[in-house]
């Protein structure tokens, strides 16, 4: 996150970004995997969470309000959405109007926001924005998130990183060189797609092992026009490492926990900086798009499946037994099967009946509860178990 632009230049750039979303509206669906029970469930594994049913939510860059609408019904607290695009804000406001005065949507430049005026929140979303803003705006946004988080609060920030994202950033720069700034969004997308096609043809004629780059070109071509325009042709796209976000937020007491949808296998690492570095190391293999969770907490703790107020859930279900074979469980959504040991088998049968907290699981495991702890962490890291937070009234 480097760069140095005047405030007036930054406001102009932000205005251009807002105008681009007005010209080509983007209405992404909500992401259930980052709903409040999942976010606080992850945070609880790293320490105490005392969120009640009236927790407050800020969506910084709420867009058309799909995520805002989804989460507003999961709390009785204050819900605030802020975005640069006027048309997006109008749509978001219409979506949450049914929740009354406790839900508000404001159209504003992030540079004009004041933490003291906004107040503090238990949960902050910043999705699909940070990596397409200038570095100076990135720093302002991260400082604002840190200032607006309550102690123990959690922020979910999406970003790209890894070898694929870094190469993608270079391709973005090449594509921006072939478009006419005065063209319509549709014409810009068409010109850039034609250039990608030319690149793919040139690589095919050169021979050699260029499969990874050809695959990336195909991924870019497969993007819907609206995402292609707002990300691939964005002038400020930047692959952001988890460790750089940890360094920026950590200076304000906000630290990296883990990835939301598929947690990384670094939960046993206590120090947030080391967890972030481990995340970056894994990303070097390929990387991708992450929903990263950060908490405002001074504690440096590894994950613990004993967390209070957490109910463990699983989609793994026992398959019909075959003669002479052991028990087999399958997650239909992930398409994964596993053959557990006896203790895990009992646990999975219990979870098939509904969510269970650690005391109940431990009681069922008996003397083998210590081994079950390790197994639960492994299953969680593979996306086969989900910890959901139970909010108290």
Protein backbone atom coordinates (compact mmCIF):
# COMPACT_ATOMS: atom_id res chain seq x y z
CA UNK A 1 0.00 0.00 0.00
CA UNK A 2 2.17 2.77 -1.33
CA UNK A 3 1.55 6.07 -3.07
CA UNK A 4 1.17 9.76 -2.39
CA UNK A 5 -1.66 11.80 -3.89
CA UNK A 6 -3.23 15.10 -2.85
CA UNK A 7 -6.61 15.02 -1.12
CA UNK A 8 -8.20 16.78 -4.08
CA UNK A 9 -6.82 14.14 -6.45
CA UNK A 10 -8.08 11.34 -4.21
CA UNK A 11 -11.56 12.83 -4.06
CA UNK A 12 -11.57 13.03 -7.84
CA UNK A 13 -10.53 9.39 -8.11
CA UNK A 14 -13.22 8.35 -5.64
CA UNK A 15 -15.79 10.32 -7.60
CA UNK A 16 -14.72 8.50 -10.77
CA UNK A 17 -15.11 5.14 -9.01
CA UNK A 18 -18.62 6.09 -7.84
CA UNK A 19 -19.55 7.28 -11.32
CA UNK A 20 -18.37 4.01 -12.86
CA UNK A 21 -20.76 2.06 -10.61
CA UNK A 22 -23.58 4.41 -11.58
CA UNK A 23 -22.80 3.80 -15.28
CA UNK A 24 -22.54 0.02 -14.91
CA UNK A 25 -24.50 -1.04 -11.79
CA UNK A 26 -23.27 -4.09 -9.90
CA UNK A 27 -25.71 -6.03 -7.74
CA UNK A 28 -23.83 -8.98 -6.23
CA UNK A 29 -25.69 -11.57 -4.13
CA UNK A 30 -25.27 -11.75 -0.36
CA UNK A 31 -22.67 -14.20 0.97
CA UNK A 32 -24.25 -16.42 3.67
CA UNK A 33 -20.81 -17.77 4.62
CA UNK A 34 -19.99 -14.40 6.24
CA UNK A 35 -23.24 -14.04 8.18
CA UNK A 36 -22.86 -12.83 11.80
CA UNK A 37 -23.16 -16.27 13.48
CA UNK A 38 -20.28 -17.53 11.34
CA UNK A 39 -18.14 -14.43 11.86
CA UNK A 40 -18.56 -14.42 15.63
CA UNK A 41 -18.23 -18.21 15.70
CA UNK A 42 -14.77 -17.92 14.14
CA UNK A 43 -13.81 -15.09 16.48
CA UNK A 44 -14.97 -17.08 19.52
CA UNK A 45 -12.50 -19.85 18.67
CA UNK A 46 -9.70 -17.31 19.24
CA UNK A 47 -11.04 -15.80 22.48
CA UNK A 48 -14.05 -14.54 24.36
CA UNK A 49 -16.91 -13.01 22.40
CA UNK A 50 -19.77 -11.45 24.31
CA UNK A 51 -21.95 -10.26 21.43
CA UNK A 52 -25.64 -10.04 22.25
CA UNK A 53 -28.62 -10.16 19.93
CA UNK A 54 -28.58 -6.36 19.58
CA UNK A 55 -25.10 -6.15 18.03
CA UNK A 56 -24.39 -3.19 15.71
CA UNK A 57 -23.26 -3.62 12.08
CA UNK A 58 -21.47 -1.28 9.66
CA UNK A 59 -21.17 -2.18 5.97
CA UNK A 60 -18.47 0.12 4.61
CA UNK A 61 -18.98 -0.06 0.86
CA UNK A 62 -22.45 -1.60 1.04
CA UNK A 63 -23.15 -1.29 -2.70
CA UNK A 64 -26.73 -2.15 -3.56
CA UNK A 65 -27.31 -3.55 -0.09
CA UNK A 66 -27.67 -7.29 -0.65
CA UNK A 67 -25.40 -8.17 2.30
CA UNK A 68 -26.88 -5.34 4.35
CA UNK A 69 -30.39 -6.68 3.86
CA UNK A 70 -29.28 -10.21 4.70
CA UNK A 71 -27.65 -9.32 8.01
CA UNK A 72 -30.10 -6.61 9.14
CA UNK A 73 -32.65 -9.27 9.99
CA UNK A 74 -30.14 -11.14 12.17
CA UNK A 75 -29.78 -8.40 14.79
CA UNK A 76 -31.98 -5.98 16.66
CA UNK A 77 -29.15 -3.45 16.82
CA UNK A 78 -28.09 -0.55 14.62
CA UNK A 79 -27.28 -1.28 10.96
CA UNK A 80 -25.43 1.30 8.85
CA UNK A 81 -24.53 1.10 5.16
CA UNK A 82 -22.20 3.57 3.41
CA UNK A 83 -21.24 3.70 -0.25
CA UNK A 84 -19.87 6.10 -2.87
CA UNK A 85 -22.45 5.35 -5.55
CA UNK A 86 -25.72 7.28 -5.33
CA UNK A 87 -27.67 4.75 -7.39
CA UNK A 88 -26.35 1.87 -5.28
CA UNK A 89 -27.28 3.68 -2.06
CA UNK A 90 -30.81 4.30 -3.32
CA UNK A 91 -31.23 0.59 -3.98
CA UNK A 92 -29.70 -0.35 -0.62
CA UNK A 93 -31.96 2.06 1.25
CA UNK A 94 -35.01 0.55 -0.42
CA UNK A 95 -33.88 -2.94 0.58
CA UNK A 96 -33.54 -2.18 4.29
CA UNK A 97 -36.49 0.22 4.60
CA UNK A 98 -38.56 -2.63 6.08
CA UNK A 99 -36.32 -2.59 9.17
CA UNK A 100 -37.20 0.97 10.04
CA UNK A 101 -35.10 3.69 11.63
CA UNK A 102 -32.45 1.37 13.05
CA UNK A 103 -31.15 0.83 9.48
CA UNK A 104 -29.64 3.76 7.60
CA UNK A 105 -27.79 4.13 4.30
CA UNK A 106 -25.53 7.09 3.55
CA UNK A 107 -23.89 8.12 0.27
CA UNK A 108 -20.46 9.50 1.16
CA UNK A 109 -16.80 9.60 0.19
CA UNK A 110 -14.76 7.47 2.61
CA UNK A 111 -12.40 10.44 3.03
CA UNK A 112 -15.26 12.46 4.55
CA UNK A 113 -16.20 9.89 7.18
CA UNK A 114 -15.48 10.58 10.82
CA UNK A 115 -15.20 7.69 13.29
CA UNK A 116 -16.48 9.78 16.19
CA UNK A 117 -19.64 10.64 14.27
CA UNK A 118 -20.21 7.10 13.02
CA UNK A 119 -19.81 5.50 16.43
CA UNK A 120 -18.58 1.99 17.12
CA UNK A 121 -19.79 -1.36 15.85
CA UNK A 122 -19.55 -5.02 16.81
CA UNK A 123 -19.23 -6.16 13.19
CA UNK A 124 -17.88 -4.31 10.16
CA UNK A 125 -18.02 -5.54 6.57
CA UNK A 126 -15.73 -4.18 3.87
CA UNK A 127 -16.37 -6.35 0.82
CA UNK A 128 -15.21 -5.89 -2.76
CA UNK A 129 -13.74 -2.42 -2.26
CA UNK A 130 -10.29 -2.21 -0.67
CA UNK A 131 -8.30 -3.74 -3.53
CA UNK A 132 -9.73 -1.37 -6.16
CA UNK A 133 -9.01 1.89 -4.29
CA UNK A 134 -5.82 4.02 -4.27
CA UNK A 135 -3.29 3.17 -1.52
CA UNK A 136 -3.94 6.42 0.37
CA UNK A 137 -7.66 5.60 0.47
CA UNK A 138 -6.86 2.06 1.58
CA UNK A 139 -4.98 3.39 4.60
CA UNK A 140 -7.82 5.76 5.45
CA UNK A 141 -10.38 2.95 5.22
CA UNK A 142 -8.37 0.58 7.42
CA UNK A 143 -7.83 3.28 10.06
CA UNK A 144 -11.55 4.01 10.00
CA UNK A 145 -12.42 0.33 10.43
CA UNK A 146 -10.07 0.07 13.40
CA UNK A 147 -11.49 3.21 15.02
CA UNK A 148 -15.09 2.09 14.51
CA UNK A 149 -14.65 -1.42 15.91
CA UNK A 150 -15.73 -1.97 19.48
CA UNK A 151 -13.31 -3.89 21.72
CA UNK A 152 -13.89 -7.53 20.81
CA UNK A 153 -15.50 -6.49 17.53
CA UNK A 154 -14.79 -8.25 14.24
CA UNK A 155 -14.20 -6.94 10.72
CA UNK A 156 -14.54 -9.00 7.54
CA UNK A 157 -12.40 -7.63 4.70
CA UNK A 158 -12.24 -9.20 1.25
CA UNK A 159 -9.07 -9.11 -0.84
CA UNK A 160 -7.11 -10.88 -3.55
CA UNK A 161 -3.64 -12.25 -3.00
CA UNK A 162 -1.26 -14.97 -4.16
CA UNK A 163 0.67 -15.74 -7.31
CA UNK A 164 -2.47 -15.82 -9.46
CA UNK A 165 -3.67 -12.44 -8.18
CA UNK A 166 -0.24 -10.86 -8.63
CA UNK A 167 -0.06 -11.99 -12.26
CA UNK A 168 -3.65 -10.88 -12.72
CA UNK A 169 -2.68 -7.39 -11.58
CA UNK A 170 -0.01 -7.26 -14.29
CA UNK A 171 -2.53 -8.38 -16.91
CA UNK A 172 -4.91 -5.68 -15.74
CA UNK A 173 -2.25 -3.06 -16.42
CA UNK A 174 -1.68 -4.41 -19.92
CA UNK A 175 -5.40 -4.38 -20.71
CA UNK A 176 -5.88 -0.81 -19.53
CA UNK A 177 -3.31 0.26 -22.14
CA UNK A 178 -5.52 -0.91 -25.01
CA UNK A 179 -8.79 0.77 -24.01
CA UNK A 180 -9.97 4.26 -24.91
CA UNK A 181 -10.87 6.18 -21.70
CA UNK A 182 -13.65 7.98 -23.56
CA UNK A 183 -15.41 4.75 -24.58
CA UNK A 184 -18.50 3.38 -22.88
CA UNK A 185 -18.04 0.62 -20.29
CA UNK A 186 -19.35 -1.92 -22.80
CA UNK A 187 -16.86 -0.79 -25.47
CA UNK A 188 -13.98 -0.94 -22.99
CA UNK A 189 -14.90 -4.50 -22.00
CA UNK A 190 -15.14 -5.55 -25.66
CA UNK A 191 -11.72 -4.11 -26.51
CA UNK A 192 -10.06 -5.71 -23.50
CA UNK A 193 -11.63 -9.09 -24.21
CA UNK A 194 -10.34 -8.92 -27.79
CA UNK A 195 -6.84 -8.26 -26.46
CA UNK A 196 -7.08 -11.28 -24.15
CA UNK A 197 -8.06 -13.39 -27.13
CA UNK A 198 -5.02 -12.14 -29.05
CA UNK A 199 -2.76 -12.95 -26.10
CA UNK A 200 -4.15 -16.47 -25.81
CA UNK A 201 -3.57 -17.05 -29.53
CA UNK A 202 -0.01 -15.77 -29.33
CA UNK A 203 0.80 -18.05 -26.38
CA UNK A 204 -0.65 -21.04 -28.21
CA UNK A 205 1.64 -20.42 -31.18
CA UNK A 206 4.79 -20.10 -29.09
CA UNK A 207 4.70 -23.62 -27.65
CA UNK A 208 6.19 -24.62 -24.32
CA UNK A 209 4.44 -25.00 -20.97
CA UNK A 210 2.27 -21.93 -20.60
CA UNK A 211 -0.76 -23.69 -19.18
CA UNK A 212 -0.96 -21.60 -16.00
CA UNK A 213 -1.07 -18.31 -17.89
CA UNK A 214 -3.52 -19.66 -20.49
CA UNK A 215 -5.75 -20.83 -17.62
CA UNK A 216 -5.64 -17.36 -16.08
CA UNK A 217 -6.60 -15.75 -19.40
CA UNK A 218 -9.54 -18.13 -19.57
CA UNK A 219 -10.56 -17.18 -16.03
CA UNK A 220 -10.56 -13.50 -16.93
CA UNK A 221 -12.59 -14.16 -20.09
CA UNK A 222 -15.14 -16.10 -18.03
CA UNK A 223 -15.85 -13.14 -15.77
CA UNK A 224 -19.24 -11.45 -16.24
CA UNK A 225 -18.93 -8.08 -17.99
CA UNK A 226 -19.78 -6.13 -14.84
CA UNK A 227 -16.98 -7.75 -12.78
CA UNK A 228 -14.62 -7.53 -15.75
CA UNK A 229 -15.25 -3.79 -15.96
CA UNK A 230 -15.05 -2.96 -12.24
CA UNK A 231 -12.08 -5.19 -11.36
CA UNK A 232 -10.13 -6.18 -14.47
CA UNK A 233 -10.23 -2.67 -15.93
CA UNK A 234 -9.96 -0.86 -12.61
CA UNK A 235 -7.09 1.60 -12.54
CA UNK A 236 -6.15 0.81 -8.93
CA UNK A 237 -6.46 -2.97 -8.64
CA UNK A 238 -3.91 -4.30 -6.15
CA UNK A 239 -3.28 -7.77 -4.76
CA UNK A 240 -3.11 -7.22 -0.99
CA UNK A 241 -1.18 -9.63 1.23
CA UNK A 242 -2.73 -10.74 4.49
CA UNK A 243 0.44 -9.74 6.33
CA UNK A 244 0.25 -6.17 4.95
CA UNK A 245 -3.34 -5.89 6.20
CA UNK A 246 -2.27 -7.31 9.57
CA UNK A 247 0.54 -4.75 9.80
CA UNK A 248 -1.75 -1.83 8.92
CA UNK A 249 -4.61 -2.89 11.21
CA UNK A 250 -2.35 -4.31 13.90
CA UNK A 251 -0.96 -0.83 14.54
CA UNK A 252 -4.50 0.03 15.71
CA UNK A 253 -5.00 -3.11 17.81
CA UNK A 254 -6.95 -5.07 15.18
CA UNK A 255 -5.49 -8.48 14.33
CA UNK A 256 -5.89 -11.25 11.77
CA UNK A 257 -7.83 -14.35 12.83
CA UNK A 258 -8.33 -16.53 9.76
CA UNK A 259 -10.16 -16.83 6.45
CA UNK A 260 -13.92 -17.17 6.70
CA UNK A 261 -15.07 -19.62 4.03
CA UNK A 262 -12.22 -22.15 4.10
CA UNK A 263 -10.09 -21.52 7.20
CA UNK A 264 -6.37 -21.95 6.68
CA UNK A 265 -4.47 -24.66 8.58
CA UNK A 266 -2.72 -22.15 10.80
CA UNK A 267 -5.22 -21.91 13.64
CA UNK A 268 -2.74 -23.39 16.11
CA UNK A 269 -0.42 -20.40 15.60
CA UNK A 270 -1.02 -17.98 18.47
CA UNK A 271 0.57 -14.77 17.14
CA UNK A 272 -1.57 -12.91 14.54
CA UNK A 273 1.48 -11.75 12.57
CA UNK A 274 2.71 -15.32 12.23
CA UNK A 275 -0.78 -16.47 11.20
CA UNK A 276 -0.84 -13.77 8.51
CA UNK A 277 2.61 -14.78 7.23
CA UNK A 278 1.48 -18.40 7.10
CA UNK A 279 -1.57 -17.31 5.10
CA UNK A 280 0.67 -15.52 2.60
CA UNK A 281 2.92 -18.56 2.31
CA UNK A 282 -0.06 -20.73 1.38
CA UNK A 283 -1.23 -18.10 -1.10
CA UNK A 284 2.05 -18.33 -3.00
CA UNK A 285 0.91 -21.70 -4.36
CA UNK A 286 -1.98 -20.03 -6.19
CA UNK A 287 -3.97 -17.72 -3.93
CA UNK A 288 -7.36 -16.30 -4.66
CA UNK A 289 -10.13 -14.24 -3.16
CA UNK A 290 -10.41 -14.22 0.62
CA UNK A 291 -12.90 -13.03 3.20
CA UNK A 292 -10.44 -12.39 6.03
CA UNK A 293 -11.58 -11.90 9.62
CA UNK A 294 -9.82 -9.41 11.91
CA UNK A 295 -10.68 -8.82 15.58
CA UNK A 296 -10.05 -5.89 17.90
CA UNK A 297 -8.44 -7.85 20.69
CA UNK A 298 -5.03 -7.76 22.39
CA UNK A 299 -5.02 -11.51 22.89
CA UNK A 300 -2.71 -13.80 20.94
CA UNK A 301 -4.30 -17.21 21.19
CA UNK A 302 -4.57 -20.35 19.04
CA UNK A 303 -8.00 -21.73 18.21
CA UNK A 304 -9.90 -23.67 20.85
CA UNK A 305 -12.93 -25.83 20.08
CA UNK A 306 -13.99 -25.35 23.71
CA UNK A 307 -15.19 -21.80 23.00
CA UNK A 308 -18.30 -20.77 24.91
CA UNK A 309 -21.53 -19.93 23.07
CA UNK A 310 -20.42 -21.88 19.98
CA UNK A 311 -22.55 -24.56 18.41
CA UNK A 312 -20.76 -26.92 16.02
CA UNK A 313 -22.61 -27.88 12.83
CA UNK A 314 -21.84 -30.36 10.05
CA UNK A 315 -23.29 -31.40 6.69
CA UNK A 316 -21.54 -34.78 6.89
CA UNK A 317 -24.08 -37.59 6.83
CA UNK A 318 -23.57 -41.34 7.19
CA UNK A 319 -23.83 -43.30 3.95
CA UNK A 320 -25.54 -46.73 3.85
CA UNK A 321 -23.17 -49.33 5.26
CA UNK A 322 -21.50 -51.84 2.97
CA UNK A 323 -20.83 -55.39 4.23
CA UNK A 324 -17.48 -55.59 5.97
CA UNK A 325 -16.69 -51.90 5.45
CA UNK A 326 -16.27 -49.16 8.03
CA UNK A 327 -18.57 -46.18 8.47
CA UNK A 328 -18.43 -43.60 5.66
CA UNK A 329 -19.72 -40.01 5.88
CA UNK A 330 -20.25 -37.61 2.99
CA UNK A 331 -20.63 -33.86 2.56
CA UNK A 332 -22.78 -33.54 -0.56
CA UNK A 333 -22.08 -29.83 -1.05
CA UNK A 334 -18.29 -30.27 -1.06
CA UNK A 335 -18.43 -33.72 -2.64
CA UNK A 336 -16.13 -35.12 0.06
CA UNK A 337 -16.28 -38.46 1.87
CA UNK A 338 -14.41 -39.64 4.94
CA UNK A 339 -14.02 -42.75 7.06
CA UNK A 340 -13.72 -41.57 10.69
CA UNK A 341 -12.41 -43.32 13.74
CA UNK A 342 -14.90 -44.55 16.36
CA UNK A 343 -14.94 -41.35 18.43
CA UNK A 344 -15.36 -39.06 15.42
CA UNK A 345 -18.03 -41.40 14.06
CA UNK A 346 -20.06 -40.94 17.25
CA UNK A 347 -19.54 -37.17 17.08
CA UNK A 348 -20.68 -36.94 13.45
CA UNK A 349 -23.82 -38.95 14.21
CA UNK A 350 -24.53 -36.52 17.05
CA UNK A 351 -23.97 -33.48 14.83
CA UNK A 352 -26.28 -34.95 12.19
CA UNK A 353 -29.11 -34.38 14.66
CA UNK A 354 -28.30 -30.65 14.96
CA UNK A 355 -25.79 -28.21 16.45
CA UNK A 356 -23.85 -29.25 19.56
CA UNK A 357 -21.62 -27.30 21.94
CA UNK A 358 -18.28 -28.57 23.23
CA UNK A 359 -19.54 -29.84 26.63
CA UNK A 360 -22.02 -32.14 24.92
CA UNK A 361 -19.49 -33.37 22.36
CA UNK A 362 -16.86 -33.87 25.07
CA UNK A 363 -19.30 -35.82 27.22
CA UNK A 364 -20.09 -38.14 24.29
CA UNK A 365 -16.37 -38.65 23.57
CA UNK A 366 -15.50 -39.43 27.17
CA UNK A 367 -11.85 -40.27 27.73
CA UNK A 368 -11.09 -39.59 24.06
CA UNK A 369 -12.14 -35.91 24.20
CA UNK A 370 -8.53 -34.66 23.84
CA UNK A 371 -8.14 -36.55 20.55
CA UNK A 372 -11.55 -35.27 19.44
CA UNK A 373 -10.38 -31.66 19.93
CA UNK A 374 -7.63 -32.14 17.35
CA UNK A 375 -10.01 -33.88 14.95
CA UNK A 376 -12.59 -31.09 15.17
CA UNK A 377 -9.95 -28.51 14.24
CA UNK A 378 -8.90 -30.58 11.21
CA UNK A 379 -12.51 -31.02 10.05
CA UNK A 380 -13.14 -27.28 10.53
CA UNK A 381 -10.09 -26.36 8.46
CA UNK A 382 -11.39 -28.56 5.63
CA UNK A 383 -14.77 -26.85 5.72
CA UNK A 384 -16.51 -29.96 7.04
CA UNK A 385 -17.53 -28.37 10.36
CA UNK A 386 -18.84 -24.86 10.99
CA UNK A 387 -18.78 -23.09 14.38
CA UNK A 388 -21.85 -20.87 14.77
CA UNK A 389 -22.14 -18.32 17.56
CA UNK A 390 -25.24 -18.40 19.77
CA UNK A 391 -26.25 -14.83 20.63
CA UNK A 392 -27.54 -14.09 24.10
CA UNK A 393 -30.57 -11.81 24.60
